Protein backbone atom coordinates (compact mmCIF):
# COMPACT_ATOMS: atom_id res chain seq x y z
CA MET A 1 101.47 116.67 116.51
CA ALA A 2 100.92 113.83 114.05
CA VAL A 3 102.62 110.57 114.87
CA LEU A 4 104.50 109.01 112.05
CA SER A 5 104.97 105.22 111.59
CA THR A 6 107.29 104.65 108.64
CA PRO A 7 108.11 107.95 106.97
CA ILE A 8 109.92 107.29 103.76
CA ALA A 9 109.31 110.33 101.49
CA VAL A 10 109.23 114.14 102.00
CA ALA A 11 108.35 117.05 99.78
CA ILE A 12 108.06 120.76 100.59
CA GLU A 13 105.93 123.17 98.65
CA SER A 14 106.69 126.81 98.05
CA LYS A 15 104.58 128.05 100.94
CA GLY A 16 106.52 125.92 103.45
CA HIS A 17 104.06 123.05 103.98
CA VAL A 18 105.73 119.73 104.39
CA PHE A 19 104.22 116.45 102.98
CA VAL A 20 105.52 113.19 104.43
CA GLY A 21 104.77 109.80 102.71
CA ASP A 22 104.21 107.31 105.49
CA THR A 23 104.07 103.72 104.26
CA GLY A 24 103.28 102.34 107.67
CA ARG A 25 100.21 104.42 107.96
CA GLY A 26 99.40 104.15 104.27
CA GLU A 27 98.97 107.91 103.87
CA ILE A 28 100.54 111.22 103.38
CA VAL A 29 100.80 113.40 106.35
CA ALA A 30 100.64 117.21 105.79
CA PHE A 31 102.43 119.56 108.15
CA GLY A 32 101.88 123.30 108.27
CA VAL A 33 104.65 125.84 108.35
CA THR A 34 104.56 125.74 112.13
CA GLY A 35 105.14 121.97 112.19
CA GLN A 36 101.65 121.15 113.25
CA GLY A 37 100.15 118.02 111.67
CA GLY A 38 97.23 118.58 109.43
CA PRO A 39 94.70 116.19 107.88
CA ALA A 40 96.11 113.01 106.36
CA ILE A 41 95.83 112.49 102.52
CA ARG A 42 94.53 108.98 101.51
CA PRO A 43 93.32 107.65 98.21
CA PRO A 44 89.53 107.26 97.85
CA LYS A 45 87.74 103.94 98.73
CA ASN A 46 90.31 102.91 101.33
CA GLU A 47 92.53 101.43 98.63
CA PRO A 48 95.97 100.10 99.80
CA PHE A 49 98.42 103.01 99.48
CA ARG A 50 102.33 103.04 99.88
CA PRO A 51 103.56 106.52 99.05
CA VAL A 52 107.30 105.91 98.53
CA ALA A 53 108.20 109.09 96.73
CA LEU A 54 106.76 112.54 96.60
CA ALA A 55 107.18 115.82 94.46
CA VAL A 56 105.52 119.04 94.30
CA ARG A 57 104.85 121.22 91.20
CA ASN A 58 102.79 124.31 91.45
CA GLU A 59 99.68 123.30 93.44
CA GLU A 60 100.04 119.57 92.69
CA LEU A 61 101.50 116.82 94.84
CA TYR A 62 102.76 113.81 92.91
CA ALA A 63 102.77 110.51 94.94
CA ALA A 64 104.40 107.43 93.63
CA ASP A 65 102.23 104.52 95.05
CA THR A 66 103.80 101.17 94.95
CA ALA A 67 100.69 99.46 96.24
CA GLY A 68 98.59 100.66 93.32
CA ALA A 69 101.42 100.71 90.71
CA ARG A 70 100.46 104.36 89.91
CA ILE A 71 101.30 107.98 90.39
CA LEU A 72 98.51 109.95 92.16
CA VAL A 73 98.34 113.71 91.36
CA LEU A 74 96.81 115.38 94.36
CA SER A 75 95.76 118.97 95.26
CA THR A 76 98.16 120.46 97.77
CA SER A 77 95.30 122.55 99.21
CA ASP A 78 92.76 119.71 100.09
CA GLY A 79 94.31 116.48 98.98
CA HIS A 80 91.74 115.46 96.46
CA VAL A 81 92.86 113.35 93.52
CA ILE A 82 93.24 115.43 90.32
CA ARG A 83 94.34 112.59 88.13
CA THR A 84 96.01 109.02 88.22
CA ILE A 85 98.92 108.05 86.04
CA GLY A 86 99.32 104.29 85.51
CA GLY A 87 97.51 101.56 87.55
CA ALA A 88 94.02 100.42 86.74
CA SER A 89 92.87 103.98 86.00
CA ASP A 90 95.34 104.68 83.20
CA GLU A 91 93.76 105.80 79.97
């Protein structure tokens, strides 16, 4: 089971997977429907990351990141960044 440090945000998607924003670890920890911890979700390039709020819509996980002053939109299936809202990458 994944060890949490400072869990501050939780989101549950329709299939029952649970995503926990852990500001102490600087990542989002994904849990399967059985409660087993899965791979952690982190932004690319080892950037500072403080996921303080999470929401799920369809197959997208929205993470409010106070370290990067942005919202990361991530894939719920593999955690890759779909797009960034705000921060240095805003268009």
